[in-house]
Amino acid sequence: MNTIECSAKAVRQLRKIADKRKRQGIYAEAQQLANWPDCPGNIKRLQGRDDYRLRVSDHRVIFEIDQSSTPIIVTTIQVEKRNERTC
């Protein structure tokens, strides 16, 4: 199993989500990233970047993968509500 780390920014953004069920759903989906690359969910590599995005309802979890370490480290960078930038 891989390691999941969250940036302070991602934690703050997750705490700002008022709906408790949405917040718990996003957290649960993000925890599934520990099974990388065999994780379920709507995951897409971002164009022009080395980051990925996980789509959870109308929110996006932006994360990066460090495959040079063993186990792989998945770092959650930010959690944002969908807009024209996050697709």
PDB file of N, CA and C in Angstrom:
ATOM      1  N   MET A   1       0.838  -1.182   0.000  1.00  0.00           N
ATOM      2  CA  MET A   1       0.000   0.000   0.000  1.00  0.00           C
ATOM      3  C   MET A   1       0.883   1.245   0.000  1.00  0.00           C
ATOM      4  N   ASN A   2       0.431   2.264  -0.681  1.00  0.00           N
ATOM      5  CA  ASN A   2       1.180   3.504  -0.823  1.00  0.00           C
ATOM      6  C   ASN A   2       0.839   4.491   0.290  1.00  0.00           C
ATOM      7  N   THR A   3       1.619   5.531   0.380  1.00  0.00           N
ATOM      8  CA  THR A   3       1.440   6.559   1.397  1.00  0.00           C
ATOM      9  C   THR A   3       0.699   7.749   0.809  1.00  0.00           C
ATOM     10  N   ILE A   4      -0.247   8.300   1.580  1.00  0.00           N
ATOM     11  CA  ILE A   4      -0.973   9.493   1.165  1.00  0.00           C
ATOM     12  C   ILE A   4      -0.607  10.629   2.097  1.00  0.00           C
ATOM     13  N   GLU A   5      -0.227  11.761   1.515  1.00  0.00           N
ATOM     14  CA  GLU A   5       0.085  12.963   2.286  1.00  0.00           C
ATOM     15  C   GLU A   5      -0.829  14.073   1.796  1.00  0.00           C
ATOM     16  N   CYS A   6      -1.212  14.953   2.682  1.00  0.00           N
ATOM     17  CA  CYS A   6      -2.050  16.104   2.323  1.00  0.00           C
ATOM     18  C   CYS A   6      -1.307  17.383   2.657  1.00  0.00           C
ATOM     19  N   SER A   7      -1.328  18.318   1.722  1.00  0.00           N
ATOM     20  CA  SER A   7      -0.725  19.621   1.998  1.00  0.00           C
ATOM     21  C   SER A   7      -1.620  20.377   2.978  1.00  0.00           C
ATOM     22  N   ALA A   8      -1.044  21.343   3.660  1.00  0.00           N
ATOM     23  CA  ALA A   8      -1.821  22.164   4.594  1.00  0.00           C
ATOM     24  C   ALA A   8      -2.942  22.889   3.851  1.00  0.00           C
ATOM     25  N   LYS A   9      -2.665  23.312   2.632  1.00  0.00           N
ATOM     26  CA  LYS A   9      -3.664  24.003   1.818  1.00  0.00           C
ATOM     27  C   LYS A   9      -4.849  23.080   1.529  1.00  0.00           C
ATOM     28  N   ALA A  10      -4.574  21.822   1.176  1.00  0.00           N
ATOM     29  CA  ALA A  10      -5.649  20.875   0.886  1.00  0.00           C
ATOM     30  C   ALA A  10      -6.504  20.610   2.124  1.00  0.00           C
ATOM     31  N   VAL A  11      -5.874  20.508   3.278  1.00  0.00           N
ATOM     32  CA  VAL A  11      -6.609  20.281   4.530  1.00  0.00           C
ATOM     33  C   VAL A  11      -7.516  21.471   4.821  1.00  0.00           C
ATOM     34  N   ARG A  12      -6.991  22.685   4.660  1.00  0.00           N
ATOM     35  CA  ARG A  12      -7.802  23.897   4.887  1.00  0.00           C
ATOM     36  C   ARG A  12      -8.981  23.944   3.930  1.00  0.00           C
ATOM     37  N   GLN A  13      -8.737  23.633   2.662  1.00  0.00           N
ATOM     38  CA  GLN A  13      -9.804  23.680   1.668  1.00  0.00           C
ATOM     39  C   GLN A  13     -10.866  22.625   1.950  1.00  0.00           C
ATOM     40  N   LEU A  14     -10.445  21.463   2.407  1.00  0.00           N
ATOM     41  CA  LEU A  14     -11.398  20.404   2.734  1.00  0.00           C
ATOM     42  C   LEU A  14     -12.252  20.807   3.937  1.00  0.00           C
ATOM     43  N   ARG A  15     -11.650  21.430   4.923  1.00  0.00           N
ATOM     44  CA  ARG A  15     -12.396  21.866   6.113  1.00  0.00           C
ATOM     45  C   ARG A  15     -13.406  22.959   5.795  1.00  0.00           C
ATOM     46  N   LYS A  16     -13.172  23.734   4.748  1.00  0.00           N
ATOM     47  CA  LYS A  16     -14.083  24.829   4.379  1.00  0.00           C
ATOM     48  C   LYS A  16     -15.368  24.327   3.731  1.00  0.00           C
ATOM     49  N   ILE A  17     -15.399  23.080   3.294  1.00  0.00           N
ATOM     50  CA  ILE A  17     -16.599  22.550   2.649  1.00  0.00           C
ATOM     51  C   ILE A  17     -17.665  22.365   3.723  1.00  0.00           C
ATOM     52  N   ALA A  18     -18.764  23.069   3.568  1.00  0.00           N
ATOM     53  CA  ALA A  18     -19.799  23.108   4.607  1.00  0.00           C
ATOM     54  C   ALA A  18     -20.568  21.796   4.723  1.00  0.00           C
ATOM     55  N   ASP A  19     -20.840  21.151   3.605  1.00  0.00           N
ATOM     56  CA  ASP A  19     -21.629  19.918   3.615  1.00  0.00           C
ATOM     57  C   ASP A  19     -20.773  18.754   4.120  1.00  0.00           C
ATOM     58  N   LYS A  20     -21.158  18.224   5.271  1.00  0.00           N
ATOM     59  CA  LYS A  20     -20.366  17.167   5.914  1.00  0.00           C
ATOM     60  C   LYS A  20     -20.301  15.902   5.055  1.00  0.00           C
ATOM     61  N   ARG A  21     -21.421  15.556   4.405  1.00  0.00           N
ATOM     62  CA  ARG A  21     -21.414  14.349   3.558  1.00  0.00           C
ATOM     63  C   ARG A  21     -20.477  14.496   2.362  1.00  0.00           C
ATOM     64  N   LYS A  22     -20.454  15.677   1.754  1.00  0.00           N
ATOM     65  CA  LYS A  22     -19.534  15.910   0.634  1.00  0.00           C
ATOM     66  C   LYS A  22     -18.093  15.819   1.112  1.00  0.00           C
ATOM     67  N   ARG A  23     -17.827  16.443   2.258  1.00  0.00           N
ATOM     68  CA  ARG A  23     -16.471  16.441   2.816  1.00  0.00           C
ATOM     69  C   ARG A  23     -16.012  15.010   3.098  1.00  0.00           C
ATOM     70  N   GLN A  24     -16.884  14.205   3.684  1.00  0.00           N
ATOM     71  CA  GLN A  24     -16.538  12.812   3.981  1.00  0.00           C
ATOM     72  C   GLN A  24     -16.367  12.000   2.700  1.00  0.00           C
ATOM     73  N   GLY A  25     -17.178  12.275   1.685  1.00  0.00           N
ATOM     74  CA  GLY A  25     -17.053  11.584   0.404  1.00  0.00           C
ATOM     75  C   GLY A  25     -15.739  11.888  -0.286  1.00  0.00           C
ATOM     76  N   ILE A  26     -15.351  13.158  -0.252  1.00  0.00           N
ATOM     77  CA  ILE A  26     -14.078  13.562  -0.857  1.00  0.00           C
ATOM     78  C   ILE A  26     -12.924  12.895  -0.122  1.00  0.00           C
ATOM     79  N   TYR A  27     -12.990  12.890   1.204  1.00  0.00           N
ATOM     80  CA  TYR A  27     -11.934  12.261   2.006  1.00  0.00           C
ATOM     81  C   TYR A  27     -11.834  10.770   1.696  1.00  0.00           C
ATOM     82  N   ALA A  28     -12.979  10.093   1.618  1.00  0.00           N
ATOM     83  CA  ALA A  28     -12.982   8.649   1.338  1.00  0.00           C
ATOM     84  C   ALA A  28     -12.408   8.349  -0.047  1.00  0.00           C
ATOM     85  N   GLU A  29     -12.783   9.150  -1.045  1.00  0.00           N
ATOM     86  CA  GLU A  29     -12.251   8.944  -2.398  1.00  0.00           C
ATOM     87  C   GLU A  29     -10.747   9.203  -2.438  1.00  0.00           C
ATOM     88  N   ALA A  30     -10.308  10.222  -1.730  1.00  0.00           N
ATOM     89  CA  ALA A  30      -8.877  10.536  -1.702  1.00  0.00           C
ATOM     90  C   ALA A  30      -8.092   9.406  -1.033  1.00  0.00           C
ATOM     91  N   GLN A  31      -8.669   8.754  -0.036  1.00  0.00           N
ATOM     92  CA  GLN A  31      -7.992   7.646   0.625  1.00  0.00           C
ATOM     93  C   GLN A  31      -7.809   6.458  -0.320  1.00  0.00           C
ATOM     94  N   GLN A  32      -8.682   6.335  -1.321  1.00  0.00           N
ATOM     95  CA  GLN A  32      -8.558   5.256  -2.303  1.00  0.00           C
ATOM     96  C   GLN A  32      -7.300   5.409  -3.164  1.00  0.00           C
ATOM     97  N   LEU A  33      -6.727   6.607  -3.177  1.00  0.00           N
ATOM     98  CA  LEU A  33      -5.504   6.835  -3.958  1.00  0.00           C
ATOM     99  C   LEU A  33      -4.330   6.031  -3.416  1.00  0.00           C
ATOM    100  N   ALA A  34      -4.466   5.487  -2.214  1.00  0.00           N
ATOM    101  CA  ALA A  34      -3.405   4.646  -1.652  1.00  0.00           C
ATOM    102  C   ALA A  34      -3.218   3.381  -2.483  1.00  0.00           C
ATOM    103  N   ASN A  35      -4.208   3.021  -3.275  1.00  0.00           N
ATOM    104  CA  ASN A  35      -4.132   1.831  -4.125  1.00  0.00           C
ATOM    105  C   ASN A  35      -3.569   2.140  -5.515  1.00  0.00           C
ATOM    106  N   TRP A  36      -2.949   3.291  -5.675  1.00  0.00           N
ATOM    107  CA  TRP A  36      -2.411   3.703  -6.979  1.00  0.00           C
ATOM    108  C   TRP A  36      -1.540   2.626  -7.572  1.00  0.00           C
ATOM    109  N   PRO A  37      -1.624   2.262  -8.807  1.00  0.00           N
ATOM    110  CA  PRO A  37      -2.431   2.805  -9.891  1.00  0.00           C
ATOM    111  C   PRO A  37      -3.779   2.111 -10.045  1.00  0.00           C
ATOM    112  N   ASP A  38      -4.133   1.197  -9.158  1.00  0.00           N
ATOM    113  CA  ASP A  38      -5.380   0.437  -9.278  1.00  0.00           C
ATOM    114  C   ASP A  38      -6.505   1.050  -8.448  1.00  0.00           C
ATOM    115  N   CYS A  39      -6.639   2.348  -8.463  1.00  0.00           N
ATOM    116  CA  CYS A  39      -7.675   2.982  -7.647  1.00  0.00           C
ATOM    117  C   CYS A  39      -8.882   3.329  -8.518  1.00  0.00           C
ATOM    118  N   PRO A  40     -10.060   3.146  -7.945  1.00  0.00           N
ATOM    119  CA  PRO A  40     -11.275   3.481  -8.682  1.00  0.00           C
ATOM    120  C   PRO A  40     -11.464   4.992  -8.707  1.00  0.00           C
ATOM    121  N   GLY A  41     -12.390   5.442  -9.482  1.00  0.00           N
ATOM    122  CA  GLY A  41     -12.691   6.871  -9.509  1.00  0.00           C
ATOM    123  C   GLY A  41     -12.355   7.490 -10.845  1.00  0.00           C
ATOM    124  N   ASN A  42     -12.789   8.698 -10.999  1.00  0.00           N
ATOM    125  CA  ASN A  42     -12.590   9.441 -12.230  1.00  0.00           C
ATOM    126  C   ASN A  42     -11.293  10.231 -12.101  1.00  0.00           C
ATOM    127  N   ILE A  43     -10.204   9.646 -12.573  1.00  0.00           N
ATOM    128  CA  ILE A  43      -8.869  10.246 -12.457  1.00  0.00           C
ATOM    129  C   ILE A  43      -8.366  10.583 -13.851  1.00  0.00           C
ATOM    130  N   LYS A  44      -7.781  11.758 -13.969  1.00  0.00           N
ATOM    131  CA  LYS A  44      -7.294  12.219 -15.255  1.00  0.00           C
ATOM    132  C   LYS A  44      -5.978  12.974 -15.047  1.00  0.00           C
ATOM    133  N   ARG A  45      -5.038  12.768 -15.941  1.00  0.00           N
ATOM    134  CA  ARG A  45      -3.784  13.530 -15.881  1.00  0.00           C
ATOM    135  C   ARG A  45      -4.043  14.935 -16.429  1.00  0.00           C
ATOM    136  N   LEU A  46      -3.510  15.946 -15.762  1.00  0.00           N
ATOM    137  CA  LEU A  46      -3.723  17.329 -16.185  1.00  0.00           C
ATOM    138  C   LEU A  46      -2.774  17.688 -17.322  1.00  0.00           C
ATOM    139  N   GLN A  47      -3.280  18.405 -18.286  1.00  0.00           N
ATOM    140  CA  GLN A  47      -2.483  18.787 -19.447  1.00  0.00           C
ATOM    141  C   GLN A  47      -1.415  19.797 -19.064  1.00  0.00           C
ATOM    142  N   GLY A  48      -0.202  19.571 -19.528  1.00  0.00           N
ATOM    143  CA  GLY A  48       0.894  20.501 -19.307  1.00  0.00           C
ATOM    144  C   GLY A  48       1.476  20.458 -17.906  1.00  0.00           C
ATOM    145  N   ARG A  49       1.042  19.503 -17.094  1.00  0.00           N
ATOM    146  CA  ARG A  49       1.529  19.383 -15.716  1.00  0.00           C
ATOM    147  C   ARG A  49       1.781  17.915 -15.410  1.00  0.00           C
ATOM    148  N   ASP A  50       2.486  17.662 -14.321  1.00  0.00           N
ATOM    149  CA  ASP A  50       2.710  16.288 -13.888  1.00  0.00           C
ATOM    150  C   ASP A  50       1.691  15.863 -12.841  1.00  0.00           C
ATOM    151  N   ASP A  51       0.664  16.681 -12.628  1.00  0.00           N
ATOM    152  CA  ASP A  51      -0.345  16.404 -11.613  1.00  0.00           C
ATOM    153  C   ASP A  51      -1.532  15.662 -12.214  1.00  0.00           C
ATOM    154  N   TYR A  52      -2.348  15.130 -11.333  1.00  0.00           N
ATOM    155  CA  TYR A  52      -3.571  14.447 -11.705  1.00  0.00           C
ATOM    156  C   TYR A  52      -4.731  15.104 -10.978  1.00  0.00           C
ATOM    157  N   ARG A  53      -5.955  14.824 -11.447  1.00  0.00           N
ATOM    158  CA  ARG A  53      -7.118  15.285 -10.728  1.00  0.00           C
ATOM    159  C   ARG A  53      -8.074  14.113 -10.524  1.00  0.00           C
ATOM    160  N   LEU A  54      -8.687  14.118  -9.361  1.00  0.00           N
ATOM    161  CA  LEU A  54      -9.698  13.140  -9.008  1.00  0.00           C
ATOM    162  C   LEU A  54     -11.015  13.889  -8.935  1.00  0.00           C
ATOM    163  N   ARG A  55     -11.993  13.439  -9.701  1.00  0.00           N
ATOM    164  CA  ARG A  55     -13.293  14.097  -9.707  1.00  0.00           C
ATOM    165  C   ARG A  55     -14.196  13.430  -8.683  1.00  0.00           C
ATOM    166  N   VAL A  56     -14.716  14.233  -7.747  1.00  0.00           N
ATOM    167  CA  VAL A  56     -15.649  13.755  -6.741  1.00  0.00           C
ATOM    168  C   VAL A  56     -16.816  14.735  -6.734  1.00  0.00           C
ATOM    169  N   SER A  57     -17.925  14.325  -7.347  1.00  0.00           N
ATOM    170  CA  SER A  57     -19.097  15.191  -7.438  1.00  0.00           C
ATOM    171  C   SER A  57     -18.699  16.486  -8.136  1.00  0.00           C
ATOM    172  N   ASP A  58     -18.943  17.635  -7.514  1.00  0.00           N
ATOM    173  CA  ASP A  58     -18.589  18.906  -8.140  1.00  0.00           C
ATOM    174  C   ASP A  58     -17.287  19.479  -7.581  1.00  0.00           C
ATOM    175  N   HIS A  59     -16.477  18.626  -6.967  1.00  0.00           N
ATOM    176  CA  HIS A  59     -15.170  19.040  -6.449  1.00  0.00           C
ATOM    177  C   HIS A  59     -14.058  18.268  -7.168  1.00  0.00           C
ATOM    178  N   ARG A  60     -12.876  18.845  -7.159  1.00  0.00           N
ATOM    179  CA  ARG A  60     -11.710  18.215  -7.766  1.00  0.00           C
ATOM    180  C   ARG A  60     -10.586  18.164  -6.741  1.00  0.00           C
ATOM    181  N   VAL A  61      -9.946  17.003  -6.659  1.00  0.00           N
ATOM    182  CA  VAL A  61      -8.785  16.818  -5.790  1.00  0.00           C
ATOM    183  C   VAL A  61      -7.575  16.770  -6.717  1.00  0.00           C
ATOM    184  N   ILE A  62      -6.693  17.727  -6.575  1.00  0.00           N
ATOM    185  CA  ILE A  62      -5.482  17.789  -7.393  1.00  0.00           C
ATOM    186  C   ILE A  62      -4.364  17.116  -6.605  1.00  0.00           C
ATOM    187  N   PHE A  63      -3.682  16.157  -7.232  1.00  0.00           N
ATOM    188  CA  PHE A  63      -2.628  15.432  -6.525  1.00  0.00           C
ATOM    189  C   PHE A  63      -1.481  15.102  -7.455  1.00  0.00           C
ATOM    190  N   GLU A  64      -0.350  14.775  -6.850  1.00  0.00           N
ATOM    191  CA  GLU A  64       0.833  14.360  -7.609  1.00  0.00           C
ATOM    192  C   GLU A  64       1.311  13.020  -7.075  1.00  0.00           C
ATOM    193  N   ILE A  65       2.035  12.299  -7.909  1.00  0.00           N
ATOM    194  CA  ILE A  65       2.534  10.971  -7.579  1.00  0.00           C
ATOM    195  C   ILE A  65       4.060  11.004  -7.593  1.00  0.00           C
ATOM    196  N   ASP A  66       4.676  10.515  -6.515  1.00  0.00           N
ATOM    197  CA  ASP A  66       6.130  10.376  -6.456  1.00  0.00           C
ATOM    198  C   ASP A  66       6.451   8.886  -6.550  1.00  0.00           C
ATOM    199  N   GLN A  67       6.737   8.427  -7.771  1.00  0.00           N
ATOM    200  CA  GLN A  67       6.983   7.007  -7.993  1.00  0.00           C
ATOM    201  C   GLN A  67       8.436   6.620  -7.771  1.00  0.00           C
ATOM    202  N   SER A  68       9.284   7.593  -7.456  1.00  0.00           N
ATOM    203  CA  SER A  68      10.691   7.295  -7.239  1.00  0.00           C
ATOM    204  C   SER A  68      10.929   6.665  -5.869  1.00  0.00           C
ATOM    205  N   SER A  69       9.976   6.793  -4.970  1.00  0.00           N
ATOM    206  CA  SER A  69      10.130   6.226  -3.629  1.00  0.00           C
ATOM    207  C   SER A  69       9.352   4.917  -3.523  1.00  0.00           C
ATOM    208  N   THR A  70       9.708   4.134  -2.543  1.00  0.00           N
ATOM    209  CA  THR A  70       8.998   2.897  -2.270  1.00  0.00           C
ATOM    210  C   THR A  70       8.567   2.916  -0.821  1.00  0.00           C
ATOM    211  N   PRO A  71       7.319   2.858  -0.483  1.00  0.00           N
ATOM    212  CA  PRO A  71       6.170   2.823  -1.389  1.00  0.00           C
ATOM    213  C   PRO A  71       5.948   4.173  -2.061  1.00  0.00           C
ATOM    214  N   ILE A  72       5.104   4.172  -3.070  1.00  0.00           N
ATOM    215  CA  ILE A  72       4.783   5.393  -3.810  1.00  0.00           C
ATOM    216  C   ILE A  72       4.110   6.389  -2.873  1.00  0.00           C
ATOM    217  N   ILE A  73       4.451   7.668  -3.009  1.00  0.00           N
ATOM    218  CA  ILE A  73       3.842   8.712  -2.189  1.00  0.00           C
ATOM    219  C   ILE A  73       2.862   9.508  -3.047  1.00  0.00           C
ATOM    220  N   VAL A  74       1.611   9.565  -2.602  1.00  0.00           N
ATOM    221  CA  VAL A  74       0.573  10.350  -3.258  1.00  0.00           C
ATOM    222  C   VAL A  74       0.367  11.601  -2.410  1.00  0.00           C
ATOM    223  N   THR A  75       0.628  12.772  -2.975  1.00  0.00           N
ATOM    224  CA  THR A  75       0.496  14.027  -2.237  1.00  0.00           C
ATOM    225  C   THR A  75      -0.685  14.814  -2.776  1.00  0.00           C
ATOM    226  N   THR A  76      -1.664  15.049  -1.920  1.00  0.00           N
ATOM    227  CA  THR A  76      -2.820  15.861  -2.285  1.00  0.00           C
ATOM    228  C   THR A  76      -2.422  17.321  -2.175  1.00  0.00           C
ATOM    229  N   ILE A  77      -2.548  18.045  -3.267  1.00  0.00           N
ATOM    230  CA  ILE A  77      -2.112  19.431  -3.321  1.00  0.00           C
ATOM    231  C   ILE A  77      -3.245  20.383  -2.956  1.00  0.00           C
ATOM    232  N   GLN A  78      -4.422  20.165  -3.547  1.00  0.00           N
ATOM    233  CA  GLN A  78      -5.529  21.051  -3.263  1.00  0.00           C
ATOM    234  C   GLN A  78      -6.864  20.383  -3.547  1.00  0.00           C
ATOM    235  N   VAL A  79      -7.914  20.937  -2.942  1.00  0.00           N
ATOM    236  CA  VAL A  79      -9.289  20.493  -3.146  1.00  0.00           C
ATOM    237  C   VAL A  79     -10.075  21.728  -3.545  1.00  0.00           C
ATOM    238  N   GLU A  80     -10.679  21.710  -4.730  1.00  0.00           N
ATOM    239  CA  GLU A  80     -11.400  22.872  -5.225  1.00  0.00           C
ATOM    240  C   GLU A  80     -12.750  22.473  -5.778  1.00  0.00           C
ATOM    241  N   LYS A  81     -13.703  23.403  -5.687  1.00  0.00           N
ATOM    242  CA  LYS A  81     -14.980  23.211  -6.353  1.00  0.00           C
ATOM    243  C   LYS A  81     -14.745  23.389  -7.848  1.00  0.00           C
ATOM    244  N   ARG A  82     -15.445  22.634  -8.659  1.00  0.00           N
ATOM    245  CA  ARG A  82     -15.240  22.668 -10.099  1.00  0.00           C
ATOM    246  C   ARG A  82     -15.483  24.065 -10.653  1.00  0.00           C
ATOM    247  N   ASN A  83     -14.587  24.481 -11.549  1.00  0.00           N
ATOM    248  CA  ASN A  83     -14.739  25.725 -12.298  1.00  0.00           C
ATOM    249  C   ASN A  83     -14.086  25.532 -13.654  1.00  0.00           C
ATOM    250  N   GLU A  84     -13.975  26.583 -14.433  1.00  0.00           N
ATOM    251  CA  GLU A  84     -13.425  26.442 -15.785  1.00  0.00           C
ATOM    252  C   GLU A  84     -11.961  26.016 -15.788  1.00  0.00           C
ATOM    253  N   ARG A  85     -11.225  26.247 -14.695  1.00  0.00           N
ATOM    254  CA  ARG A  85      -9.823  25.833 -14.616  1.00  0.00           C
ATOM    255  C   ARG A  85      -9.661  24.382 -14.227  1.00  0.00           C
ATOM    256  N   THR A  86     -10.566  23.839 -13.387  1.00  0.00           N
ATOM    257  CA  THR A  86     -10.372  22.500 -12.847  1.00  0.00           C
ATOM    258  C   THR A  86     -11.023  21.404 -13.682  1.00  0.00           C
ATOM    259  N   CYS A  87     -11.938  21.745 -14.568  1.00  0.00           N
ATOM    260  CA  CYS A  87     -12.645  20.802 -15.451  1.00  0.00           C
ATOM    261  C   CYS A  87     -13.121  19.619 -14.677  1.00  0.00           C
TER     262      CYS A  87
END
